[in-house]
C-alpha atoms as a PDB file:
ATOM      1  CA  MET A   1    -263.238 -74.259 174.236  1.00  0.00           C
ATOM      2  CA  LYS A   2    -265.791 -71.283 174.024  1.00  0.00           C
ATOM      3  CA  LEU A   3    -265.064 -67.982 175.784  1.00  0.00           C
ATOM      4  CA  LEU A   4    -268.033 -66.111 177.209  1.00  0.00           C
ATOM      5  CA  ILE A   5    -267.660 -62.345 176.774  1.00  0.00           C
ATOM      6  CA  ALA A   6    -270.126 -60.036 178.256  1.00  0.00           C
ATOM      7  CA  ILE A   7    -271.030 -56.925 176.154  1.00  0.00           C
ATOM      8  CA  ASP A   8    -269.503 -54.795 178.904  1.00  0.00           C
ATOM      9  CA  ASP A   9    -266.177 -56.541 178.538  1.00  0.00           C
ATOM     10  CA  ILE A  10    -265.613 -55.208 174.993  1.00  0.00           C
ATOM     11  CA  LYS A  11    -266.039 -52.076 172.911  1.00  0.00           C
ATOM     12  CA  VAL A  12    -265.625 -51.843 169.293  1.00  0.00           C
ATOM     13  CA  PHE A  13    -264.693 -48.729 167.012  1.00  0.00           C
ATOM     14  CA  LYS A  14    -264.702 -48.449 163.286  1.00  0.00           C
ATOM     15  CA  LEU A  15    -262.358 -46.073 161.304  1.00  0.00           C
ATOM     16  CA  GLU A  16    -264.422 -43.813 159.143  1.00  0.00           C
ATOM     17  CA  ARG A  17    -262.608 -43.042 155.923  1.00  0.00           C
ATOM     18  CA  ASP A  18    -264.047 -39.500 155.378  1.00  0.00           C
ATOM     19  CA  SER A  19    -263.489 -38.153 158.759  1.00  0.00           C
ATOM     20  CA  GLU A  20    -260.552 -40.195 159.679  1.00  0.00           C
ATOM     21  CA  LYS A  21    -261.805 -40.716 163.113  1.00  0.00           C
ATOM     22  CA  PHE A  22    -262.971 -43.848 165.014  1.00  0.00           C
ATOM     23  CA  LYS A  23    -266.585 -44.084 165.739  1.00  0.00           C
ATOM     24  CA  GLU A  24    -267.853 -46.559 168.453  1.00  0.00           C
ATOM     25  CA  ILE A  25    -270.162 -49.244 167.116  1.00  0.00           C
ATOM     26  CA  ASP A  26    -273.234 -50.448 169.150  1.00  0.00           C
ATOM     27  CA  ILE A  27    -272.578 -54.144 169.470  1.00  0.00           C
ATOM     28  CA  SER A  28    -275.436 -54.848 171.695  1.00  0.00           C
ATOM     29  CA  GLN A  29    -277.648 -56.240 169.005  1.00  0.00           C
ATOM     30  CA  ASN A  30    -274.876 -57.741 166.723  1.00  0.00           C
ATOM     31  CA  ILE A  31    -272.732 -60.792 166.618  1.00  0.00           C
ATOM     32  CA  ILE A  32    -269.301 -59.397 166.874  1.00  0.00           C
ATOM     33  CA  LYS A  33    -267.852 -61.411 164.013  1.00  0.00           C
ATOM     34  CA  ASP A  34    -270.583 -60.052 161.644  1.00  0.00           C
ATOM     35  CA  ILE A  35    -269.170 -56.469 161.817  1.00  0.00           C
ATOM     36  CA  LEU A  36    -265.823 -57.503 160.364  1.00  0.00           C
ATOM     37  CA  ASP A  37    -265.370 -56.004 156.850  1.00  0.00           C
ATOM     38  CA  HIS A  38    -262.400 -56.789 154.451  1.00  0.00           C
ATOM     39  CA  GLU A  39    -261.878 -52.978 153.681  1.00  0.00           C
ATOM     40  CA  SER A  40    -262.154 -51.728 157.277  1.00  0.00           C
ATOM     41  CA  SER A  41    -259.901 -50.987 160.342  1.00  0.00           C
ATOM     42  CA  LEU A  42    -261.511 -51.681 163.559  1.00  0.00           C
ATOM     43  CA  ILE A  43    -260.461 -51.259 167.308  1.00  0.00           C
ATOM     44  CA  PHE A  44    -261.529 -53.811 169.731  1.00  0.00           C
ATOM     45  CA  ILE A  45    -260.983 -52.957 173.445  1.00  0.00           C
ATOM     46  CA  ASP A  46    -260.686 -56.210 175.387  1.00  0.00           C
ATOM     47  CA  TYR A  47    -261.215 -55.228 178.948  1.00  0.00           C
ATOM     48  CA  MET A  48    -260.642 -58.603 180.347  1.00  0.00           C
ATOM     49  CA  ALA A  49    -257.171 -59.194 178.617  1.00  0.00           C
ATOM     50  CA  LYS A  50    -256.357 -55.387 178.849  1.00  0.00           C
ATOM     51  CA  ILE A  51    -255.571 -55.359 175.248  1.00  0.00           C
ATOM     52  CA  ILE A  52    -256.658 -53.129 172.391  1.00  0.00           C
ATOM     53  CA  TRP A  53    -256.693 -55.122 169.170  1.00  0.00           C
ATOM     54  CA  LEU A  54    -256.231 -53.001 166.146  1.00  0.00           C
ATOM     55  CA  TRP A  55    -257.723 -55.125 163.318  1.00  0.00           C
ATOM     56  CA  TYR A  56    -257.162 -54.691 159.630  1.00  0.00           C
ATOM     57  CA  GLY A  57    -259.320 -56.232 157.042  1.00  0.00           C
ATOM     58  CA  SER A  58    -257.575 -58.115 154.321  1.00  0.00           C
ATOM     59  CA  LYS A  59    -258.252 -55.399 151.735  1.00  0.00           C
ATOM     60  CA  THR A  60    -257.470 -52.282 153.972  1.00  0.00           C
ATOM     61  CA  ASP A  61    -255.047 -50.022 152.145  1.00  0.00           C
ATOM     62  CA  SER A  62    -251.820 -48.841 153.502  1.00  0.00           C
ATOM     63  CA  LYS A  63    -253.079 -45.218 153.985  1.00  0.00           C
ATOM     64  CA  ILE A  64    -255.987 -46.439 156.295  1.00  0.00           C
ATOM     65  CA  LYS A  65    -253.661 -48.780 158.280  1.00  0.00           C
ATOM     66  CA  PHE A  66    -251.223 -45.804 158.880  1.00  0.00           C
ATOM     67  CA  ILE A  67    -254.119 -43.511 160.004  1.00  0.00           C
ATOM     68  CA  ALA A  68    -255.611 -46.185 162.215  1.00  0.00           C
ATOM     69  CA  ALA A  69    -252.187 -46.877 164.038  1.00  0.00           C
ATOM     70  CA  ARG A  70    -251.670 -43.135 164.428  1.00  0.00           C
ATOM     71  CA  ILE A  71    -255.109 -42.637 166.061  1.00  0.00           C
ATOM     72  CA  ALA A  72    -255.339 -45.807 168.222  1.00  0.00           C
ATOM     73  CA  PRO A  73    -253.420 -44.302 171.061  1.00  0.00           C
ATOM     74  CA  SER A  74    -256.007 -41.631 171.440  1.00  0.00           C
ATOM     75  CA  ILE A  75    -258.664 -44.291 171.836  1.00  0.00           C
ATOM     76  CA  ARG A  76    -256.565 -46.037 174.488  1.00  0.00           C
ATOM     77  CA  ASP A  77    -255.924 -42.816 176.261  1.00  0.00           C
ATOM     78  CA  VAL A  78    -259.661 -42.165 176.616  1.00  0.00           C
ATOM     79  CA  HIS A  79    -261.088 -45.728 177.067  1.00  0.00           C
ATOM     80  CA  ALA A  80    -258.235 -48.047 178.389  1.00  0.00           C
ATOM     81  CA  ILE A  81    -255.252 -46.177 179.866  1.00  0.00           C
ATOM     82  CA  GLY A  82    -252.317 -48.527 180.161  1.00  0.00           C
ATOM     83  CA  PHE A  83    -253.624 -51.099 177.734  1.00  0.00           C
ATOM     84  CA  LYS A  84    -251.394 -52.657 175.101  1.00  0.00           C
ATOM     85  CA  ILE A  85    -252.180 -52.116 171.516  1.00  0.00           C
ATOM     86  CA  SER A  86    -251.741 -55.063 169.279  1.00  0.00           C
ATOM     87  CA  ALA A  87    -252.117 -54.899 165.587  1.00  0.00           C
ATOM     88  CA  ILE A  88    -253.617 -57.937 163.785  1.00  0.00           C
ATOM     89  CA  ASP A  89    -254.547 -58.665 160.236  1.00  0.00           C
ATOM     90  CA  GLN A  90    -257.538 -60.512 159.065  1.00  0.00           C
ATOM     91  CA  ASP A  91    -257.069 -64.350 158.587  1.00  0.00           C
ATOM     92  CA  ASN A  92    -254.016 -64.013 160.714  1.00  0.00           C
ATOM     93  CA  GLU A  93    -255.676 -63.387 164.160  1.00  0.00           C
ATOM     94  CA  PRO A  94    -254.378 -64.888 167.313  1.00  0.00           C
ATOM     95  CA  ASP A  95    -256.530 -67.622 169.079  1.00  0.00           C
ATOM     96  CA  HIS A  96    -257.656 -65.269 171.928  1.00  0.00           C
ATOM     97  CA  PHE A  97    -258.938 -62.728 169.526  1.00  0.00           C
ATOM     98  CA  LYS A  98    -260.740 -65.462 167.527  1.00  0.00           C
ATOM     99  CA  LEU A  99    -262.374 -66.720 170.870  1.00  0.00           C
ATOM    100  CA  LEU A 100    -263.296 -62.963 171.841  1.00  0.00           C
ATOM    101  CA  ILE A 101    -265.296 -62.362 168.521  1.00  0.00           C
ATOM    102  CA  GLY A 102    -266.584 -65.836 167.970  1.00  0.00           C
ATOM    103  CA  ILE A 103    -264.731 -67.212 164.966  1.00  0.00           C
END
């Protein structure tokens, strides 16, 4: 089963290590699964499911995970008030997330 996601139904943010802030990524020209990086922390706002996925790459260190978890509610408050935040680790993603990003 393939889930068809419109670009307007998802936003993606990447945590920048230096500034310790999330920056929105333009996904209009990318395949979403191609932006996954083993050392990154990403936020995927899933407007259809009303979930904010806080995704951690398999080599993301504890400090970055902590920072991402601390900042994620501020992203929710600006872009998706009332959405649930769900943290997930690379290679342990739920099926819905896998369908969302095309893996």
